[in-house]
């Protein structure tokens, strides 16, 4: 399978999540064009007019619940105040270039949670994973790494692994299922490392069965291939496997976890592995420009939320199972996967992405439940959206969500 099967531009045009970008115009903060006579707002059949970005944000803020994550804060500065107050209560002092007792302690805590010897805080997950892949490539003298075609490395990093590190991604599995042991055995090129996403975001949070995951670990070990986990959403996997995190991670040589996905921190990530591996990772963090003068605010934002966020996941996964079954009872939509395996899933509907996204906006305005937008798929006439059960739904019931979706579907009929 060609590594150029999905270009970044093709992928984004076909399957971007449309969290507002394709429908609502330029992102916030983008440079505005030179002033011209304002064109009349375009009207569409069944709608007064396309909403402006300001109108979209006003409706989003007014919603009681959201199917696309946590509702936007009315006061963004409140997060910084909360971090500062937490630091004072905990007696946390500052750091210089990431060196502090507090950050060291948090790195050890997360490494221990996942069953590894050491961890290194990283400003971004992209940096963390590039460092892991580069370290393995140098050690093994093999610049090939195996991935799923929806891997973050391939789709969302502007070919950073190629441009910065001269690495070569080898697509070893089909899009339609998670990466398996047989994909490693049948790789068209010799591999130094395999990077596996748990769960697979673009498959609605799908996972290998426990037996499949153990077989993958065993196969990589026997072939001398390093196994890295893209665990950006690892926290959401534990209820499916019903095993402690160290057991899930056992057999992986390294794991990356995110602190803004699911945890809700300002940003940042952690790379965990053996002591020598992490010692080298710190050098690469410096080389990547990741030694920020002060990392403490970012780390504190993660540390003050992590335990509570992880503790909420089982209930959110349980609710996702009930909610998806309630939604799937309406034959006008399709839920993937079914049954749901984590707290995230995808919904597919027949129709036009822009028209349905507008209808979802007006349904949200009328019901107070933010439904998100829709993107085209590779199947003509079928569109999709990514949904999740998070704190964004704490103030609405499953019945509220189903009513909002039925309102949207009735309007779209």
Protein backbone atom coordinates (compact mmCIF):
# COMPACT_ATOMS: atom_id res chain seq x y z
CA UNK A 1 0.00 0.00 0.00
CA UNK A 2 1.42 3.37 -0.96
CA UNK A 3 2.45 5.66 1.86
CA UNK A 4 0.99 8.50 -0.22
CA UNK A 5 -2.46 6.94 -0.35
CA UNK A 6 -3.90 9.84 1.66
CA UNK A 7 -2.31 13.25 1.22
CA UNK A 8 -2.87 15.74 3.99
CA UNK A 9 -4.93 18.03 1.76
CA UNK A 10 -7.06 15.15 0.45
CA UNK A 11 -7.63 13.82 3.94
CA UNK A 12 -8.63 17.15 5.42
CA UNK A 13 -10.94 17.92 2.54
CA UNK A 14 -12.63 14.53 2.85
CA UNK A 15 -12.75 13.79 6.56
CA UNK A 16 -11.97 16.89 8.65
CA UNK A 17 -14.20 16.96 11.70
CA UNK A 18 -15.64 20.37 10.93
CA UNK A 19 -15.52 21.68 14.45
CA UNK A 20 -16.44 24.92 12.74
CA UNK A 21 -13.59 25.29 10.25
CA UNK A 22 -15.21 24.39 6.93
CA UNK A 23 -18.56 25.95 7.75
CA UNK A 24 -17.82 28.96 9.86
CA UNK A 25 -15.01 30.54 7.87
CA UNK A 26 -11.49 31.53 8.96
CA UNK A 27 -10.28 30.42 12.42
CA UNK A 28 -10.36 32.84 15.29
CA UNK A 29 -7.30 35.03 15.24
CA UNK A 30 -6.70 34.64 11.50
CA UNK A 31 -5.72 37.76 9.61
CA UNK A 32 -8.74 39.56 8.19
CA UNK A 33 -8.86 40.58 4.53
CA UNK A 34 -8.71 44.21 3.54
CA UNK A 35 -12.00 46.03 4.27
CA UNK A 36 -14.48 45.83 1.43
CA UNK A 37 -18.16 46.34 1.07
CA UNK A 38 -19.75 43.66 3.20
CA UNK A 39 -21.60 41.13 1.05
CA UNK A 40 -25.13 40.18 1.91
CA UNK A 41 -25.36 37.16 4.17
CA UNK A 42 -26.14 34.13 2.03
CA UNK A 43 -29.53 32.64 2.70
CA UNK A 44 -30.21 28.93 2.32
CA UNK A 45 -33.49 27.18 1.88
CA UNK A 46 -35.03 26.61 5.27
CA UNK A 47 -32.64 28.97 7.11
CA UNK A 48 -32.68 32.74 7.67
CA UNK A 49 -28.95 32.97 6.78
CA UNK A 50 -25.59 31.36 7.36
CA UNK A 51 -24.52 32.27 10.90
CA UNK A 52 -21.44 34.36 11.48
CA UNK A 53 -18.61 33.05 13.63
CA UNK A 54 -19.75 35.33 16.43
CA UNK A 55 -23.27 33.89 16.24
CA UNK A 56 -21.89 30.36 16.29
CA UNK A 57 -19.83 31.07 19.40
CA UNK A 58 -22.78 32.77 21.08
CA UNK A 59 -24.98 29.71 20.54
CA UNK A 60 -22.20 27.34 21.60
CA UNK A 61 -21.70 29.24 24.87
CA UNK A 62 -25.44 29.29 25.51
CA UNK A 63 -25.80 25.52 25.17
CA UNK A 64 -26.36 23.42 28.29
CA UNK A 65 -24.54 20.43 26.87
CA UNK A 66 -22.13 19.43 24.13
CA UNK A 67 -21.55 16.20 22.21
CA UNK A 68 -18.15 17.39 20.99
CA UNK A 69 -16.37 17.85 24.31
CA UNK A 70 -16.35 20.27 27.19
CA UNK A 71 -18.27 23.49 26.64
CA UNK A 72 -16.18 26.58 25.97
CA UNK A 73 -15.44 28.61 29.09
CA UNK A 74 -17.03 32.04 29.31
CA UNK A 75 -13.89 33.30 31.03
CA UNK A 76 -10.68 31.79 29.60
CA UNK A 77 -8.68 33.54 32.31
CA UNK A 78 -10.44 31.45 34.96
CA UNK A 79 -8.22 28.48 34.06
CA UNK A 80 -5.06 30.44 34.82
CA UNK A 81 -6.53 31.61 38.12
CA UNK A 82 -7.48 28.01 39.01
CA UNK A 83 -3.97 26.80 38.22
CA UNK A 84 -2.41 29.53 40.33
CA UNK A 85 -4.68 28.88 43.29
CA UNK A 86 -4.00 25.12 43.08
CA UNK A 87 -0.25 25.75 43.03
CA UNK A 88 -0.54 27.90 46.15
CA UNK A 89 -2.58 25.28 48.00
CA UNK A 90 -0.09 22.56 47.04
CA UNK A 91 2.95 24.70 47.83
CA UNK A 92 4.25 24.31 44.26
CA UNK A 93 7.21 26.46 43.36
CA UNK A 94 8.36 27.40 39.89
CA UNK A 95 10.86 25.70 37.61
CA UNK A 96 13.65 26.73 35.29
CA UNK A 97 13.66 24.91 31.95
CA UNK A 98 11.59 22.08 33.42
CA UNK A 99 13.85 21.42 36.41
CA UNK A 100 11.91 21.25 39.66
CA UNK A 101 10.97 18.79 42.37
CA UNK A 102 7.30 19.18 41.46
CA UNK A 103 7.77 18.29 37.78
CA UNK A 104 10.12 15.42 38.67
CA UNK A 105 7.46 14.05 41.01
CA UNK A 106 4.72 14.29 38.41
CA UNK A 107 6.86 12.54 35.80
CA UNK A 108 7.52 9.69 38.23
CA UNK A 109 3.83 9.49 39.12
CA UNK A 110 2.65 9.13 35.52
CA UNK A 111 5.42 6.66 34.67
CA UNK A 112 4.38 4.58 37.70
CA UNK A 113 0.68 4.75 36.72
CA UNK A 114 1.59 3.14 33.40
CA UNK A 115 4.16 0.67 34.72
CA UNK A 116 7.37 2.29 33.40
CA UNK A 117 10.65 3.31 34.98
CA UNK A 118 10.68 6.96 33.97
CA UNK A 119 8.82 9.74 32.19
CA UNK A 120 9.55 13.06 30.54
CA UNK A 121 7.03 15.88 30.27
CA UNK A 122 6.71 17.20 26.72
CA UNK A 123 5.06 20.44 25.53
CA UNK A 124 3.27 18.53 22.74
CA UNK A 125 2.43 14.99 21.79
CA UNK A 126 3.87 15.53 18.33
CA UNK A 127 7.25 16.28 19.88
CA UNK A 128 7.00 13.29 22.23
CA UNK A 129 6.29 10.82 19.45
CA UNK A 130 8.86 12.18 17.01
CA UNK A 131 11.47 11.83 19.74
CA UNK A 132 10.48 8.22 20.40
CA UNK A 133 10.60 7.27 16.72
CA UNK A 134 13.92 9.03 16.16
CA UNK A 135 15.52 7.33 19.16
CA UNK A 136 14.50 3.90 17.91
CA UNK A 137 15.62 4.68 14.35
CA UNK A 138 19.11 5.66 15.51
CA UNK A 139 19.45 2.71 17.89
CA UNK A 140 18.25 0.11 15.37
CA UNK A 141 19.71 1.77 12.24
CA UNK A 142 16.31 1.33 10.61
CA UNK A 143 14.27 4.41 9.68
CA UNK A 144 11.08 2.49 8.81
CA UNK A 145 8.16 2.52 11.21
CA UNK A 146 4.83 0.75 10.73
CA UNK A 147 1.56 2.59 11.24
CA UNK A 148 -2.18 2.55 10.63
CA UNK A 149 -3.20 4.79 7.69
CA UNK A 150 -5.08 7.12 10.08
CA UNK A 151 -2.01 7.62 12.28
CA UNK A 152 -1.39 11.10 13.63
CA UNK A 153 2.15 10.81 12.27
CA UNK A 154 0.80 10.50 8.73
CA UNK A 155 -2.19 12.83 8.77
CA UNK A 156 -1.61 15.67 11.18
CA UNK A 157 2.07 16.61 11.45
CA UNK A 158 2.97 18.07 8.03
CA UNK A 159 5.35 15.16 7.38
CA UNK A 160 7.51 16.17 10.35
CA UNK A 161 8.92 12.65 10.67
CA UNK A 162 10.24 12.89 7.11
CA UNK A 163 11.39 16.50 7.03
CA UNK A 164 12.97 16.66 10.48
CA UNK A 165 14.18 13.12 11.02
CA UNK A 166 14.34 11.34 7.67
CA UNK A 167 11.95 8.64 8.86
CA UNK A 168 9.78 6.53 6.56
CA UNK A 169 6.22 5.57 7.47
CA UNK A 170 5.10 2.17 6.22
CA UNK A 171 1.32 1.78 6.06
CA UNK A 172 0.80 -1.78 7.18
CA UNK A 173 -2.93 -2.11 7.84
CA UNK A 174 -6.22 -1.19 6.15
CA UNK A 175 -8.16 1.86 7.29
CA UNK A 176 -11.16 -0.18 8.38
CA UNK A 177 -9.77 -1.89 11.48
CA UNK A 178 -7.05 -1.48 14.14
CA UNK A 179 -3.49 -2.62 13.42
CA UNK A 180 -2.91 -6.34 14.15
CA UNK A 181 -0.01 -8.77 14.52
CA UNK A 182 -0.43 -10.12 11.02
CA UNK A 183 0.10 -6.61 9.65
CA UNK A 184 3.55 -6.59 11.22
CA UNK A 185 4.32 -10.06 9.87
CA UNK A 186 3.18 -9.07 6.37
CA UNK A 187 4.84 -5.64 6.27
CA UNK A 188 6.14 -4.84 2.77
CA UNK A 189 9.31 -3.39 4.29
CA UNK A 190 11.47 -4.30 7.30
CA UNK A 191 10.36 -2.35 10.37
CA UNK A 192 12.36 -0.89 13.22
CA UNK A 193 9.33 0.15 15.26
CA UNK A 194 5.55 -0.03 15.10
CA UNK A 195 3.46 2.88 16.40
CA UNK A 196 -0.01 1.81 17.53
CA UNK A 197 -2.82 4.19 18.47
CA UNK A 198 -5.02 3.07 21.38
CA UNK A 199 -7.85 3.69 20.72
CA UNK A 200 -8.03 4.49 16.98
CA UNK A 201 -9.58 7.94 16.87
CA UNK A 202 -10.66 7.86 13.20
CA UNK A 203 -12.46 4.54 13.76
CA UNK A 204 -14.62 6.00 16.51
CA UNK A 205 -12.38 4.80 19.33
CA UNK A 206 -12.03 1.18 18.23
CA UNK A 207 -9.55 -1.13 19.94
CA UNK A 208 -7.96 -4.50 19.37
CA UNK A 209 -9.39 -7.27 21.52
CA UNK A 210 -7.17 -8.17 24.46
CA UNK A 211 -6.07 -11.32 22.67
CA UNK A 212 -5.23 -9.36 19.52
CA UNK A 213 -3.28 -6.79 21.53
CA UNK A 214 -1.27 -9.48 23.31
CA UNK A 215 -0.53 -11.19 19.99
CA UNK A 216 0.70 -7.88 18.57
CA UNK A 217 3.03 -7.39 21.53
CA UNK A 218 4.35 -10.94 21.21
CA UNK A 219 4.92 -10.64 17.46
CA UNK A 220 6.88 -7.39 17.77
CA UNK A 221 8.98 -8.85 20.56
CA UNK A 222 9.82 -11.99 18.58
CA UNK A 223 10.70 -10.01 15.46
CA UNK A 224 12.88 -7.55 17.39
CA UNK A 225 10.58 -4.66 16.43
CA UNK A 226 10.11 -1.90 19.01
CA UNK A 227 6.49 -1.20 19.94
CA UNK A 228 5.38 2.36 20.72
CA UNK A 229 1.91 3.38 21.83
CA UNK A 230 0.21 6.56 20.66
CA UNK A 231 -1.84 6.66 23.84
CA UNK A 232 -3.25 10.15 23.45
CA UNK A 233 -6.59 8.72 24.61
CA UNK A 234 -5.22 5.75 26.55
CA UNK A 235 -7.17 6.85 29.63
CA UNK A 236 -10.39 5.92 27.77
CA UNK A 237 -9.30 2.31 27.06
CA UNK A 238 -9.20 0.88 30.56
CA UNK A 239 -12.92 0.06 30.92
CA UNK A 240 -12.87 -1.92 27.64
CA UNK A 241 -9.92 -4.07 28.68
CA UNK A 242 -10.92 -4.09 32.36
CA UNK A 243 -7.26 -4.35 33.34
CA UNK A 244 -4.96 -1.92 35.16
CA UNK A 245 -2.94 0.49 33.03
CA UNK A 246 0.41 -1.23 33.71
CA UNK A 247 -0.98 -4.49 32.34
CA UNK A 248 -2.34 -2.76 29.24
CA UNK A 249 1.02 -1.05 28.66
CA UNK A 250 3.17 -4.09 29.45
CA UNK A 251 4.91 -5.20 26.26
CA UNK A 252 5.15 -1.69 24.83
CA UNK A 253 8.62 -0.17 24.79
CA UNK A 254 7.27 3.35 25.20
CA UNK A 255 3.95 5.14 25.60
CA UNK A 256 2.83 8.71 25.03
CA UNK A 257 -0.23 10.14 26.79
CA UNK A 258 -1.92 13.50 26.33
CA UNK A 259 -2.96 15.86 29.09
CA UNK A 260 -5.35 18.08 27.20
CA UNK A 261 -7.27 15.27 25.49
CA UNK A 262 -9.67 13.80 28.04
CA UNK A 263 -7.79 15.35 31.00
CA UNK A 264 -8.56 18.93 29.96
CA UNK A 265 -5.24 20.56 30.87
CA UNK A 266 -3.82 23.61 29.13
CA UNK A 267 -1.71 21.29 26.95
CA UNK A 268 1.25 18.99 27.14
CA UNK A 269 2.02 15.29 27.14
CA UNK A 270 4.18 12.65 28.78
CA UNK A 271 6.54 10.16 27.19
CA UNK A 272 7.31 7.15 29.37
CA UNK A 273 9.75 4.27 28.97
CA UNK A 274 12.97 2.87 30.36
CA UNK A 275 15.46 5.13 32.19
CA UNK A 276 18.03 5.19 29.38
CA UNK A 277 15.34 5.84 26.79
CA UNK A 278 13.93 8.77 28.79
CA UNK A 279 17.42 10.15 29.45
CA UNK A 280 17.94 10.37 25.71
CA UNK A 281 14.42 11.77 25.26
CA UNK A 282 15.35 14.74 27.46
CA UNK A 283 18.25 15.54 25.15
CA UNK A 284 15.94 15.38 22.15
CA UNK A 285 13.40 17.59 23.92
CA UNK A 286 16.13 20.22 24.19
CA UNK A 287 17.05 19.77 20.53
CA UNK A 288 13.40 20.24 19.58
CA UNK A 289 13.17 23.50 21.51
CA UNK A 290 10.90 21.95 24.10
CA UNK A 291 12.76 23.14 27.20
CA UNK A 292 10.47 26.08 27.90
CA UNK A 293 11.78 28.56 30.46
CA UNK A 294 8.79 27.75 32.70
CA UNK A 295 6.83 24.50 32.33
CA UNK A 296 5.19 24.54 35.75
CA UNK A 297 1.84 26.15 34.75
CA UNK A 298 1.27 23.50 32.08
CA UNK A 299 2.29 20.63 34.34
CA UNK A 300 0.19 21.98 37.22
CA UNK A 301 -2.85 22.22 34.93
CA UNK A 302 -2.42 18.50 34.19
CA UNK A 303 -1.52 17.43 37.73
CA UNK A 304 -4.55 19.09 39.31
CA UNK A 305 -6.94 17.33 36.91
CA UNK A 306 -5.44 13.95 36.07
CA UNK A 307 -6.75 11.73 38.89
CA UNK A 308 -10.30 13.07 38.73
CA UNK A 309 -10.39 12.89 34.93
CA UNK A 310 -9.26 9.27 34.86
CA UNK A 311 -11.73 8.37 37.59
CA UNK A 312 -14.62 9.76 35.53
CA UNK A 313 -13.88 7.65 32.44
CA UNK A 314 -15.65 4.39 33.43
CA UNK A 315 -18.95 6.17 34.01
CA UNK A 316 -18.58 8.10 30.76
CA UNK A 317 -17.93 4.91 28.80
CA UNK A 318 -20.96 3.28 30.41
CA UNK A 319 -23.08 6.26 29.47
CA UNK A 320 -21.70 6.25 25.92
CA UNK A 321 -22.90 2.67 25.50
CA UNK A 322 -26.43 3.60 26.54
CA UNK A 323 -26.49 6.81 24.54
CA UNK A 324 -25.23 5.27 21.31
CA UNK A 325 -27.85 2.53 21.49
CA UNK A 326 -30.54 5.17 21.99
CA UNK A 327 -29.27 7.15 19.00
CA UNK A 328 -28.87 4.05 16.82
CA UNK A 329 -32.55 3.23 17.38
CA UNK A 330 -33.23 5.91 14.74
CA UNK A 331 -32.55 4.20 11.43
CA UNK A 332 -31.69 7.50 9.75
CA UNK A 333 -28.24 7.41 11.30
CA UNK A 334 -25.45 4.88 11.77
CA UNK A 335 -23.21 4.66 14.84
CA UNK A 336 -19.62 3.40 14.67
CA UNK A 337 -18.48 1.32 16.50
CA UNK A 338 -21.43 -0.56 17.86
CA UNK A 339 -21.26 -1.45 20.61
CA UNK A 340 -19.15 1.55 21.51
CA UNK A 341 -15.77 0.66 23.06
CA UNK A 342 -14.71 3.94 24.68
CA UNK A 343 -16.48 7.22 25.41
CA UNK A 344 -16.11 8.39 21.79
CA UNK A 345 -17.90 7.30 18.63
CA UNK A 346 -18.88 8.43 15.14
CA UNK A 347 -22.27 9.08 13.61
CA UNK A 348 -22.95 8.80 9.87
CA UNK A 349 -25.92 10.40 8.11
CA UNK A 350 -26.98 10.71 4.48
CA UNK A 351 -26.94 14.25 3.15
CA UNK A 352 -24.81 17.28 2.37
CA UNK A 353 -22.19 18.26 4.95
CA UNK A 354 -22.79 22.01 4.83
CA UNK A 355 -26.57 21.77 4.88
CA UNK A 356 -26.60 19.26 7.74
CA UNK A 357 -24.07 21.30 9.71
CA UNK A 358 -26.35 24.32 9.43
CA UNK A 359 -29.31 22.26 10.54
CA UNK A 360 -27.27 20.97 13.50
CA UNK A 361 -26.45 24.58 14.42
CA UNK A 362 -30.09 25.65 14.43
CA UNK A 363 -31.09 22.49 16.32
CA UNK A 364 -28.47 23.37 18.95
CA UNK A 365 -29.81 26.91 19.17
CA UNK A 366 -33.32 25.60 19.78
CA UNK A 367 -32.53 22.65 22.08
CA UNK A 368 -29.46 23.84 24.01
CA UNK A 369 -27.46 20.74 23.02
CA UNK A 370 -24.42 21.36 20.84
CA UNK A 371 -24.36 18.69 18.12
CA UNK A 372 -21.23 19.75 16.23
CA UNK A 373 -20.83 19.80 12.47
CA UNK A 374 -20.54 17.24 9.69
CA UNK A 375 -17.80 16.38 7.21
CA UNK A 376 -17.89 14.51 3.90
CA UNK A 377 -16.71 10.91 3.85
CA UNK A 378 -15.23 8.93 0.98
CA UNK A 379 -18.74 7.65 0.25
CA UNK A 380 -20.70 10.19 -1.82
CA UNK A 381 -23.80 11.43 -0.04
CA UNK A 382 -22.70 10.19 3.40
CA UNK A 383 -21.32 12.54 6.04
CA UNK A 384 -19.92 11.98 9.53
CA UNK A 385 -19.31 13.65 12.85
CA UNK A 386 -17.21 12.66 15.87
CA UNK A 387 -19.02 12.68 19.21
CA UNK A 388 -18.03 11.87 22.76
CA UNK A 389 -19.43 11.62 26.25
CA UNK A 390 -17.55 13.98 28.54
CA UNK A 391 -18.23 16.58 31.21
CA UNK A 392 -19.87 18.55 28.41
CA UNK A 393 -22.97 16.36 28.86
CA UNK A 394 -23.14 16.55 32.66
CA UNK A 395 -26.05 19.00 32.58
CA UNK A 396 -28.20 17.20 30.02
CA UNK A 397 -29.83 13.77 30.01
CA UNK A 398 -29.60 11.10 27.34
CA UNK A 399 -33.24 11.87 26.55
CA UNK A 400 -32.28 15.52 25.94
CA UNK A 401 -29.58 14.40 23.51
CA UNK A 402 -31.90 12.02 21.65
CA UNK A 403 -34.57 14.73 21.37
CA UNK A 404 -32.01 17.17 19.99
CA UNK A 405 -30.83 14.65 17.43
CA UNK A 406 -34.37 13.76 16.40
CA UNK A 407 -35.14 17.45 16.00
CA UNK A 408 -32.11 17.75 13.74
CA UNK A 409 -33.02 14.64 11.73
CA UNK A 410 -36.66 15.71 11.34
CA UNK A 411 -35.55 19.08 9.99
CA UNK A 412 -33.12 17.35 7.64
CA UNK A 413 -35.75 15.01 6.25
